[in-house]
Amino acid sequence: MKKLLLSVALIAASFVSNAQIIVNGDFEAAATPLIPGIATQTLGWGTGLYTMETTGAYAGTQSLKLSTIVNANVAGQIQSPSDTIPGFAIQVKNGAITNPQNLSISFAYKFTRVASDTGVVIVNLYDTLLAGDADDVVLYQGFAEFTATTSAWGTMTIPVAAISGATGTVNQFYFVAVSSNNALPTPGTTLWLDNITTGFVGLEENEVISASVYPNPASDILNIKMNEEVASVVITALDGKTVATENSTSINISALNTGMYLYTITGVSGKVAKGNFVKN
């Protein structure tokens, strides 16, 4: 997903390397509606299609609520081609990140699914080459997909994974959450988020190794390529449960349910590669 909904004004600010990148991730700052369904926060999130939920927040008194709506007025304001519009929130921060391969994003969430809608959270780390967006290169990405209604708050941590073959230096952090990631979004689909934070896994740079995991998405066999022998591969679901433990570079994932999974690959030297893949 490339710079979603660029017709909406975004707020970007400089930040210090390895400081807390997310601003106002607890959503306790006030938000003022501009038009029905659209709010602006002066701290952190800028203009998006969201509201602040004051009932039953995960922590504190407010959470972020993203709902898919039908509203011709809102569609006109953001120049949407359809009156049915997913809720979204975007945060962009410019600046270098030391050891970006160690970055992870944690948050609390709830999700109400209507029809076959899926919500998403995407984090991209870009090498922005020029002023425009067309030449920006995604160097690392973290991704979470929500495919089932969860009425109670849950928590999730997603790591970023290096994009195979991409080269450059990270100088932009880009976070987007969307209630409906479908070509035909369904009104009523809603994603709540709270307590969004960034962190680092604590590995020193010489403890991290790069690995290629392919194909991604995968249906039956997941292949691993790295420049040393694989000691172990641990695959976990987004709820933290381990679903597979292998010591092979070719893993049969046909029995896994459709969805996103995290992997941790340990080489014989003890170096670690982490990332995610999607099972079709």
C-alpha atoms as a PDB file:
ATOM      1  CA  MET A   1       0.000   0.000   0.000  1.00  0.00           C
ATOM      2  CA  LYS A   2       1.666   3.185  -1.181  1.00  0.00           C
ATOM      3  CA  LYS A   3       1.025   6.423   0.707  1.00  0.00           C
ATOM      4  CA  LEU A   4      -2.699   5.818   1.200  1.00  0.00           C
ATOM      5  CA  LEU A   5      -5.184   8.662   0.603  1.00  0.00           C
ATOM      6  CA  LEU A   6      -2.681  11.343  -0.226  1.00  0.00           C
ATOM      7  CA  SER A   7      -5.456  13.849  -0.903  1.00  0.00           C
ATOM      8  CA  VAL A   8      -5.839  14.145   2.859  1.00  0.00           C
ATOM      9  CA  ALA A   9      -3.463  16.547   4.578  1.00  0.00           C
ATOM     10  CA  LEU A  10      -0.815  14.832   6.700  1.00  0.00           C
ATOM     11  CA  ILE A  11       1.331  16.190   9.507  1.00  0.00           C
ATOM     12  CA  ALA A  12       4.991  15.149   9.447  1.00  0.00           C
ATOM     13  CA  ALA A  13       7.638  16.107  11.975  1.00  0.00           C
ATOM     14  CA  SER A  14      11.287  15.390  12.666  1.00  0.00           C
ATOM     15  CA  PHE A  15      12.252  12.954  15.390  1.00  0.00           C
ATOM     16  CA  VAL A  16      15.349  11.738  17.189  1.00  0.00           C
ATOM     17  CA  SER A  17      16.666   8.298  16.223  1.00  0.00           C
ATOM     18  CA  ASN A  18      15.317   5.467  18.369  1.00  0.00           C
ATOM     19  CA  ALA A  19      13.088   7.763  20.426  1.00  0.00           C
ATOM     20  CA  GLN A  20       9.422   6.795  20.735  1.00  0.00           C
ATOM     21  CA  ILE A  21       8.361   7.322  17.127  1.00  0.00           C
ATOM     22  CA  ILE A  22       4.593   7.189  17.609  1.00  0.00           C
ATOM     23  CA  VAL A  23       3.166  10.433  18.976  1.00  0.00           C
ATOM     24  CA  ASN A  24       0.033  10.306  21.164  1.00  0.00           C
ATOM     25  CA  GLY A  25      -0.313   6.543  20.785  1.00  0.00           C
ATOM     26  CA  ASP A  26      -2.600   6.442  23.812  1.00  0.00           C
ATOM     27  CA  PHE A  27      -5.046   8.813  22.045  1.00  0.00           C
ATOM     28  CA  GLU A  28      -5.665  10.868  25.168  1.00  0.00           C
ATOM     29  CA  ALA A  29      -5.266  14.182  23.296  1.00  0.00           C
ATOM     30  CA  ALA A  30      -8.467  15.982  22.307  1.00  0.00           C
ATOM     31  CA  ALA A  31      -9.819  15.673  18.774  1.00  0.00           C
ATOM     32  CA  THR A  32     -12.114  18.209  17.113  1.00  0.00           C
ATOM     33  CA  PRO A  33     -14.534  17.050  14.369  1.00  0.00           C
ATOM     34  CA  LEU A  34     -14.129  18.997  11.126  1.00  0.00           C
ATOM     35  CA  ILE A  35     -17.162  17.431   9.440  1.00  0.00           C
ATOM     36  CA  PRO A  36     -19.164  14.352  10.510  1.00  0.00           C
ATOM     37  CA  GLY A  37     -16.785  11.431  10.838  1.00  0.00           C
ATOM     38  CA  ILE A  38     -13.599  13.426  10.387  1.00  0.00           C
ATOM     39  CA  ALA A  39     -11.485  14.589  13.309  1.00  0.00           C
ATOM     40  CA  THR A  40      -8.220  16.449  13.756  1.00  0.00           C
ATOM     41  CA  GLN A  41      -5.814  16.064  16.641  1.00  0.00           C
ATOM     42  CA  THR A  42      -3.330  18.821  17.279  1.00  0.00           C
ATOM     43  CA  LEU A  43      -0.923  16.274  18.757  1.00  0.00           C
ATOM     44  CA  GLY A  44       0.337  13.499  16.551  1.00  0.00           C
ATOM     45  CA  TRP A  45      -2.257  12.123  14.171  1.00  0.00           C
ATOM     46  CA  GLY A  46      -3.428  15.102  12.166  1.00  0.00           C
ATOM     47  CA  THR A  47      -6.349  14.729   9.773  1.00  0.00           C
ATOM     48  CA  GLY A  48      -7.895  11.315   9.232  1.00  0.00           C
ATOM     49  CA  LEU A  49     -11.268   9.632   9.083  1.00  0.00           C
ATOM     50  CA  TYR A  50     -11.739   8.622  12.697  1.00  0.00           C
ATOM     51  CA  THR A  51     -13.367   9.502  15.988  1.00  0.00           C
ATOM     52  CA  MET A  52     -12.252   9.213  19.595  1.00  0.00           C
ATOM     53  CA  GLU A  53     -14.089   6.494  21.533  1.00  0.00           C
ATOM     54  CA  THR A  54     -14.618   7.499  25.159  1.00  0.00           C
ATOM     55  CA  THR A  55     -16.370   4.314  26.283  1.00  0.00           C
ATOM     56  CA  GLY A  56     -14.399   1.220  27.223  1.00  0.00           C
ATOM     57  CA  ALA A  57     -10.922   2.300  26.160  1.00  0.00           C
ATOM     58  CA  TYR A  58      -8.139  -0.237  26.604  1.00  0.00           C
ATOM     59  CA  ALA A  59      -6.344   2.218  28.893  1.00  0.00           C
ATOM     60  CA  GLY A  60      -7.026   5.782  29.928  1.00  0.00           C
ATOM     61  CA  THR A  61     -10.230   7.470  28.778  1.00  0.00           C
ATOM     62  CA  GLN A  62     -10.029   7.383  24.961  1.00  0.00           C
ATOM     63  CA  SER A  63      -9.182   5.060  22.099  1.00  0.00           C
ATOM     64  CA  LEU A  64      -9.028   5.509  18.327  1.00  0.00           C
ATOM     65  CA  LYS A  65     -12.138   4.373  16.435  1.00  0.00           C
ATOM     66  CA  LEU A  66     -11.991   3.777  12.672  1.00  0.00           C
ATOM     67  CA  SER A  67     -15.356   3.020  11.063  1.00  0.00           C
ATOM     68  CA  THR A  68     -16.364   2.449   7.456  1.00  0.00           C
ATOM     69  CA  ILE A  69     -19.165   4.922   6.682  1.00  0.00           C
ATOM     70  CA  VAL A  70     -21.443   6.060   3.861  1.00  0.00           C
ATOM     71  CA  ASN A  71     -21.325   9.852   3.635  1.00  0.00           C
ATOM     72  CA  ALA A  72     -21.392  11.890   0.417  1.00  0.00           C
ATOM     73  CA  ASN A  73     -20.263  15.046   2.226  1.00  0.00           C
ATOM     74  CA  VAL A  74     -17.163  13.361   3.619  1.00  0.00           C
ATOM     75  CA  ALA A  75     -16.451  11.778   0.238  1.00  0.00           C
ATOM     76  CA  GLY A  76     -16.497  15.206  -1.360  1.00  0.00           C
ATOM     77  CA  GLN A  77     -14.211  16.684   1.284  1.00  0.00           C
ATOM     78  CA  ILE A  78     -11.512  14.054   0.781  1.00  0.00           C
ATOM     79  CA  GLN A  79     -12.149  13.649  -2.974  1.00  0.00           C
ATOM     80  CA  SER A  80     -13.108   9.985  -2.655  1.00  0.00           C
ATOM     81  CA  PRO A  81     -14.621   8.377  -5.786  1.00  0.00           C
ATOM     82  CA  SER A  82     -17.099   6.468  -3.588  1.00  0.00           C
ATOM     83  CA  ASP A  83     -19.513   7.576  -0.858  1.00  0.00           C
ATOM     84  CA  THR A  84     -18.538   4.447   1.118  1.00  0.00           C
ATOM     85  CA  ILE A  85     -15.274   5.286   2.845  1.00  0.00           C
ATOM     86  CA  PRO A  86     -13.086   3.276   5.230  1.00  0.00           C
ATOM     87  CA  GLY A  87     -11.946   4.903   8.426  1.00  0.00           C
ATOM     88  CA  PHE A  88      -8.218   5.591   8.446  1.00  0.00           C
ATOM     89  CA  ALA A  89      -5.482   7.188  10.539  1.00  0.00           C
ATOM     90  CA  ILE A  90      -1.983   8.026   9.368  1.00  0.00           C
ATOM     91  CA  GLN A  91       1.150   9.155  11.153  1.00  0.00           C
ATOM     92  CA  VAL A  92       4.299  10.162   9.264  1.00  0.00           C
ATOM     93  CA  LYS A  93       7.616  10.965  10.952  1.00  0.00           C
ATOM     94  CA  ASN A  94      10.781  12.001   9.133  1.00  0.00           C
ATOM     95  CA  GLY A  95      14.277  11.185  10.339  1.00  0.00           C
ATOM     96  CA  ALA A  96      16.861   8.423  10.557  1.00  0.00           C
ATOM     97  CA  ILE A  97      16.245   5.237  12.552  1.00  0.00           C
ATOM     98  CA  THR A  98      19.216   3.362  13.990  1.00  0.00           C
ATOM     99  CA  ASN A  99      18.951  -0.428  13.573  1.00  0.00           C
ATOM    100  CA  PRO A 100      15.568  -0.318  11.804  1.00  0.00           C
ATOM    101  CA  GLN A 101      15.611  -4.117  11.458  1.00  0.00           C
ATOM    102  CA  ASN A 102      15.012  -4.300  15.217  1.00  0.00           C
ATOM    103  CA  LEU A 103      11.903  -2.096  15.206  1.00  0.00           C
ATOM    104  CA  SER A 104       8.555  -3.481  16.357  1.00  0.00           C
ATOM    105  CA  ILE A 105       5.132  -1.899  16.843  1.00  0.00           C
ATOM    106  CA  SER A 106       2.809  -2.910  19.682  1.00  0.00           C
ATOM    107  CA  PHE A 107      -0.833  -1.964  20.184  1.00  0.00           C
ATOM    108  CA  ALA A 108      -4.178  -2.948  21.662  1.00  0.00           C
ATOM    109  CA  TYR A 109      -7.078  -3.590  19.271  1.00  0.00           C
ATOM    110  CA  LYS A 110     -10.704  -4.604  18.812  1.00  0.00           C
ATOM    111  CA  PHE A 111     -12.392  -5.315  15.480  1.00  0.00           C
ATOM    112  CA  THR A 112     -15.969  -5.654  14.264  1.00  0.00           C
ATOM    113  CA  ARG A 113     -16.130  -7.377  10.886  1.00  0.00           C
ATOM    114  CA  VAL A 114     -19.054  -6.906   8.506  1.00  0.00           C
ATOM    115  CA  ALA A 115     -19.360  -9.283   5.535  1.00  0.00           C
ATOM    116  CA  SER A 116     -15.858 -10.171   4.303  1.00  0.00           C
ATOM    117  CA  ASP A 117     -14.104  -6.933   5.251  1.00  0.00           C
ATOM    118  CA  THR A 118     -10.557  -7.006   6.613  1.00  0.00           C
ATOM    119  CA  GLY A 119      -8.885  -4.260   8.636  1.00  0.00           C
ATOM    120  CA  VAL A 120      -5.165  -3.594   8.393  1.00  0.00           C
ATOM    121  CA  VAL A 121      -2.290  -1.909  10.175  1.00  0.00           C
ATOM    122  CA  ILE A 122       0.749  -1.248   8.001  1.00  0.00           C
ATOM    123  CA  VAL A 123       4.118   0.227   8.947  1.00  0.00           C
ATOM    124  CA  ASN A 124       6.533   1.160   6.172  1.00  0.00           C
ATOM    125  CA  LEU A 125      10.076   2.458   6.590  1.00  0.00           C
ATOM    126  CA  TYR A 126      11.008   4.446   3.486  1.00  0.00           C
ATOM    127  CA  ASP A 127      14.098   5.774   1.800  1.00  0.00           C
ATOM    128  CA  THR A 128      12.557   8.975   0.416  1.00  0.00           C
ATOM    129  CA  LEU A 129      14.803   9.995  -2.456  1.00  0.00           C
ATOM    130  CA  LEU A 130      13.147  13.166  -3.706  1.00  0.00           C
ATOM    131  CA  ALA A 131      10.283  15.456  -2.738  1.00  0.00           C
ATOM    132  CA  GLY A 132       7.608  13.381  -4.469  1.00  0.00           C
ATOM    133  CA  ASP A 133       6.177  10.000  -3.542  1.00  0.00           C
ATOM    134  CA  ALA A 134       6.696   8.090  -6.793  1.00  0.00           C
ATOM    135  CA  ASP A 135      10.382   7.395  -6.149  1.00  0.00           C
ATOM    136  CA  ASP A 136      10.114   6.419  -2.476  1.00  0.00           C
ATOM    137  CA  VAL A 137      11.532   2.968  -1.710  1.00  0.00           C
ATOM    138  CA  VAL A 138      10.049   0.728   0.998  1.00  0.00           C
ATOM    139  CA  LEU A 139      13.000  -0.768   2.896  1.00  0.00           C
ATOM    140  CA  TYR A 140      11.151  -2.427   5.794  1.00  0.00           C
ATOM    141  CA  GLN A 141       7.516  -3.289   6.402  1.00  0.00           C
ATOM    142  CA  GLY A 142       5.328  -4.593   9.204  1.00  0.00           C
ATOM    143  CA  PHE A 143       1.770  -5.718   8.541  1.00  0.00           C
ATOM    144  CA  ALA A 144      -1.209  -6.960  10.550  1.00  0.00           C
ATOM    145  CA  GLU A 145      -4.560  -8.041   9.125  1.00  0.00           C
ATOM    146  CA  PHE A 146      -7.836  -8.366  11.051  1.00  0.00           C
ATOM    147  CA  THR A 147     -10.202 -10.985   9.633  1.00  0.00           C
ATOM    148  CA  ALA A 148     -12.519 -11.864  12.515  1.00  0.00           C
ATOM    149  CA  THR A 149     -14.647  -9.959  15.018  1.00  0.00           C
ATOM    150  CA  THR A 150     -12.936  -9.584  18.407  1.00  0.00           C
ATOM    151  CA  SER A 151     -15.265  -7.933  20.898  1.00  0.00           C
ATOM    152  CA  ALA A 152     -12.704  -7.870  23.724  1.00  0.00           C
ATOM    153  CA  TRP A 153      -9.452  -5.940  23.642  1.00  0.00           C
ATOM    154  CA  GLY A 154      -6.424  -7.931  22.548  1.00  0.00           C
ATOM    155  CA  THR A 155      -2.771  -6.955  22.161  1.00  0.00           C
ATOM    156  CA  MET A 156      -0.369  -7.507  19.300  1.00  0.00           C
ATOM    157  CA  THR A 157       3.279  -6.860  18.452  1.00  0.00           C
ATOM    158  CA  ILE A 158       4.441  -6.848  14.840  1.00  0.00           C
ATOM    159  CA  PRO A 159       8.103  -6.620  13.772  1.00  0.00           C
ATOM    160  CA  VAL A 160       9.236  -4.933  10.602  1.00  0.00           C
ATOM    161  CA  ALA A 161      10.892  -7.136   7.999  1.00  0.00           C
ATOM    162  CA  ALA A 162      13.422  -6.112   5.366  1.00  0.00           C
ATOM    163  CA  ILE A 163      12.089  -5.950   1.807  1.00  0.00           C
ATOM    164  CA  SER A 164      14.172  -8.319  -0.284  1.00  0.00           C
ATOM    165  CA  GLY A 165      16.442  -6.477  -2.731  1.00  0.00           C
ATOM    166  CA  ALA A 166      15.588  -2.988  -1.451  1.00  0.00           C
ATOM    167  CA  THR A 167      18.565  -0.752  -0.664  1.00  0.00           C
ATOM    168  CA  GLY A 168      18.899   2.666   0.910  1.00  0.00           C
ATOM    169  CA  THR A 169      18.815   4.455   4.253  1.00  0.00           C
ATOM    170  CA  VAL A 170      15.658   4.748   6.311  1.00  0.00           C
ATOM    171  CA  ASN A 171      14.552   8.356   6.682  1.00  0.00           C
ATOM    172  CA  GLN A 172      10.782   8.125   6.978  1.00  0.00           C
ATOM    173  CA  PHE A 173       8.428   6.200   9.269  1.00  0.00           C
ATOM    174  CA  TYR A 174       4.919   5.758   7.847  1.00  0.00           C
ATOM    175  CA  PHE A 175       2.052   4.223   9.877  1.00  0.00           C
ATOM    176  CA  VAL A 176      -1.463   3.680   8.519  1.00  0.00           C
ATOM    177  CA  ALA A 177      -4.480   1.894  10.003  1.00  0.00           C
ATOM    178  CA  VAL A 178      -7.579   1.246   7.864  1.00  0.00           C
ATOM    179  CA  SER A 179     -10.928  -0.220   8.903  1.00  0.00           C
ATOM    180  CA  SER A 180     -11.697  -1.846   5.500  1.00  0.00           C
ATOM    181  CA  ASN A 181      -8.896  -2.950   3.216  1.00  0.00           C
ATOM    182  CA  ASN A 182     -11.303  -4.181   0.523  1.00  0.00           C
ATOM    183  CA  ALA A 183     -12.111  -3.027  -2.986  1.00  0.00           C
ATOM    184  CA  LEU A 184     -15.762  -2.862  -1.864  1.00  0.00           C
ATOM    185  CA  PRO A 185     -15.706  -1.834   1.816  1.00  0.00           C
ATOM    186  CA  THR A 186     -18.766  -2.605   3.944  1.00  0.00           C
ATOM    187  CA  PRO A 187     -20.316   0.096   6.158  1.00  0.00           C
ATOM    188  CA  GLY A 188     -20.131  -0.696   9.854  1.00  0.00           C
ATOM    189  CA  THR A 189     -16.767  -2.457   9.819  1.00  0.00           C
ATOM    190  CA  THR A 190     -14.860  -0.904  12.718  1.00  0.00           C
ATOM    191  CA  LEU A 191     -11.299  -1.082  14.056  1.00  0.00           C
ATOM    192  CA  TRP A 192     -10.354   0.295  17.480  1.00  0.00           C
ATOM    193  CA  LEU A 193      -6.719   0.950  18.424  1.00  0.00           C
ATOM    194  CA  ASP A 194      -5.100   2.077  21.659  1.00  0.00           C
ATOM    195  CA  ASN A 195      -1.679   2.234  23.308  1.00  0.00           C
ATOM    196  CA  ILE A 196       0.314   2.166  20.057  1.00  0.00           C
ATOM    197  CA  THR A 197       4.041   2.158  20.813  1.00  0.00           C
ATOM    198  CA  THR A 198       7.274   1.496  18.972  1.00  0.00           C
ATOM    199  CA  GLY A 199      10.129  -0.484  20.443  1.00  0.00           C
ATOM    200  CA  PHE A 200      13.340  -2.250  19.606  1.00  0.00           C
ATOM    201  CA  VAL A 201      13.946  -5.935  20.168  1.00  0.00           C
ATOM    202  CA  GLY A 202      17.288  -5.353  21.913  1.00  0.00           C
ATOM    203  CA  LEU A 203      19.528  -7.197  19.460  1.00  0.00           C
ATOM    204  CA  GLU A 204      22.843  -5.638  18.622  1.00  0.00           C
ATOM    205  CA  GLU A 205      23.480  -5.112  14.945  1.00  0.00           C
ATOM    206  CA  ASN A 206      26.020  -7.956  14.759  1.00  0.00           C
ATOM    207  CA  GLU A 207      23.418 -10.363  16.188  1.00  0.00           C
ATOM    208  CA  VAL A 208      21.027  -9.806  13.277  1.00  0.00           C
ATOM    209  CA  ILE A 209      21.220 -11.602   9.950  1.00  0.00           C
ATOM    210  CA  SER A 210      19.213 -11.073   6.777  1.00  0.00           C
ATOM    211  CA  ALA A 211      17.135 -13.855   5.279  1.00  0.00           C
ATOM    212  CA  SER A 212      14.883 -14.230   2.250  1.00  0.00           C
ATOM    213  CA  VAL A 213      11.563 -15.960   2.897  1.00  0.00           C
ATOM    214  CA  TYR A 214       9.578 -16.828  -0.239  1.00  0.00           C
ATOM    215  CA  PRO A 215       7.089 -16.999  -1.803  1.00  0.00           C
ATOM    216  CA  ASN A 216       5.168 -14.436   0.188  1.00  0.00           C
ATOM    217  CA  PRO A 217       2.195 -14.968   0.217  1.00  0.00           C
ATOM    218  CA  ALA A 218       2.672 -18.744   0.290  1.00  0.00           C
ATOM    219  CA  SER A 219       0.202 -21.623   0.053  1.00  0.00           C
ATOM    220  CA  ASP A 220       2.090 -24.866   0.636  1.00  0.00           C
ATOM    221  CA  ILE A 221       5.867 -24.524   0.978  1.00  0.00           C
ATOM    222  CA  LEU A 222       7.751 -21.628   2.573  1.00  0.00           C
ATOM    223  CA  ASN A 223      11.397 -21.416   1.501  1.00  0.00           C
ATOM    224  CA  ILE A 224      14.230 -19.778   3.416  1.00  0.00           C
ATOM    225  CA  LYS A 225      17.514 -18.515   2.006  1.00  0.00           C
ATOM    226  CA  MET A 226      20.276 -17.101   4.195  1.00  0.00           C
ATOM    227  CA  ASN A 227      24.064 -17.009   4.082  1.00  0.00           C
ATOM    228  CA  GLU A 228      24.579 -19.570   6.838  1.00  0.00           C
ATOM    229  CA  GLU A 229      23.019 -22.862   7.898  1.00  0.00           C
ATOM    230  CA  VAL A 230      19.628 -22.657   9.581  1.00  0.00           C
ATOM    231  CA  ALA A 231      19.546 -23.903  13.183  1.00  0.00           C
ATOM    232  CA  SER A 232      15.848 -23.337  13.866  1.00  0.00           C
ATOM    233  CA  VAL A 233      12.728 -21.686  12.492  1.00  0.00           C
ATOM    234  CA  VAL A 234       9.864 -20.745  14.802  1.00  0.00           C
ATOM    235  CA  ILE A 235       6.536 -19.653  13.285  1.00  0.00           C
ATOM    236  CA  THR A 236       3.983 -17.935  15.506  1.00  0.00           C
ATOM    237  CA  ALA A 237       0.457 -16.653  14.984  1.00  0.00           C
ATOM    238  CA  LEU A 238      -0.362 -13.015  15.697  1.00  0.00           C
ATOM    239  CA  ASP A 239      -1.736 -13.996  19.103  1.00  0.00           C
ATOM    240  CA  GLY A 240       1.738 -15.210  20.091  1.00  0.00           C
ATOM    241  CA  LYS A 241       1.045 -18.965  19.852  1.00  0.00           C
ATOM    242  CA  THR A 242       3.766 -21.089  18.256  1.00  0.00           C
ATOM    243  CA  VAL A 243       2.303 -23.016  15.303  1.00  0.00           C
ATOM    244  CA  ALA A 244       5.459 -24.602  13.869  1.00  0.00           C
ATOM    245  CA  THR A 245       9.076 -25.274  14.851  1.00  0.00           C
ATOM    246  CA  GLU A 246      11.458 -26.523  12.162  1.00  0.00           C
ATOM    247  CA  ASN A 247      15.166 -26.714  11.349  1.00  0.00           C
ATOM    248  CA  SER A 248      14.755 -26.808   7.574  1.00  0.00           C
ATOM    249  CA  THR A 249      14.971 -24.262   4.763  1.00  0.00           C
ATOM    250  CA  SER A 250      11.790 -25.686   3.224  1.00  0.00           C
ATOM    251  CA  ILE A 251       8.743 -25.686   5.508  1.00  0.00           C
ATOM    252  CA  ASN A 252       5.356 -27.210   4.742  1.00  0.00           C
ATOM    253  CA  ILE A 253       2.706 -24.659   5.835  1.00  0.00           C
ATOM    254  CA  SER A 254      -0.276 -26.202   4.030  1.00  0.00           C
ATOM    255  CA  ALA A 255      -1.979 -27.079   7.326  1.00  0.00           C
ATOM    256  CA  LEU A 256      -1.909 -23.496   8.624  1.00  0.00           C
ATOM    257  CA  ASN A 257      -5.038 -21.361   8.497  1.00  0.00           C
ATOM    258  CA  THR A 258      -5.160 -18.444   6.077  1.00  0.00           C
ATOM    259  CA  GLY A 259      -3.677 -15.291   7.558  1.00  0.00           C
ATOM    260  CA  MET A 260      -0.479 -13.571   8.616  1.00  0.00           C
ATOM    261  CA  TYR A 261       2.277 -15.261  10.646  1.00  0.00           C
ATOM    262  CA  LEU A 262       5.563 -14.183  12.203  1.00  0.00           C
ATOM    263  CA  TYR A 263       8.838 -16.064  11.840  1.00  0.00           C
ATOM    264  CA  THR A 264      12.067 -16.133  13.831  1.00  0.00           C
ATOM    265  CA  ILE A 265      15.011 -17.778  12.084  1.00  0.00           C
ATOM    266  CA  THR A 266      18.160 -18.577  14.056  1.00  0.00           C
ATOM    267  CA  GLY A 267      21.360 -19.402  12.192  1.00  0.00           C
ATOM    268  CA  VAL A 268      24.079 -21.750  13.450  1.00  0.00           C
ATOM    269  CA  SER A 269      26.085 -18.700  14.563  1.00  0.00           C
ATOM    270  CA  GLY A 270      23.236 -17.615  16.828  1.00  0.00           C
ATOM    271  CA  LYS A 271      22.297 -14.661  14.629  1.00  0.00           C
ATOM    272  CA  VAL A 272      18.580 -14.025  14.188  1.00  0.00           C
ATOM    273  CA  ALA A 273      16.266 -12.921  11.352  1.00  0.00           C
ATOM    274  CA  LYS A 274      12.671 -11.917  12.041  1.00  0.00           C
ATOM    275  CA  GLY A 275       9.780 -11.021   9.786  1.00  0.00           C
ATOM    276  CA  ASN A 276       6.325 -12.011   8.629  1.00  0.00           C
ATOM    277  CA  PHE A 277       4.568 -13.841   5.803  1.00  0.00           C
ATOM    278  CA  VAL A 278       1.020 -14.410   4.619  1.00  0.00           C
ATOM    279  CA  LYS A 279      -0.478 -17.890   4.223  1.00  0.00           C
ATOM    280  CA  ASN A 280      -2.991 -18.078   1.337  1.00  0.00           C
END
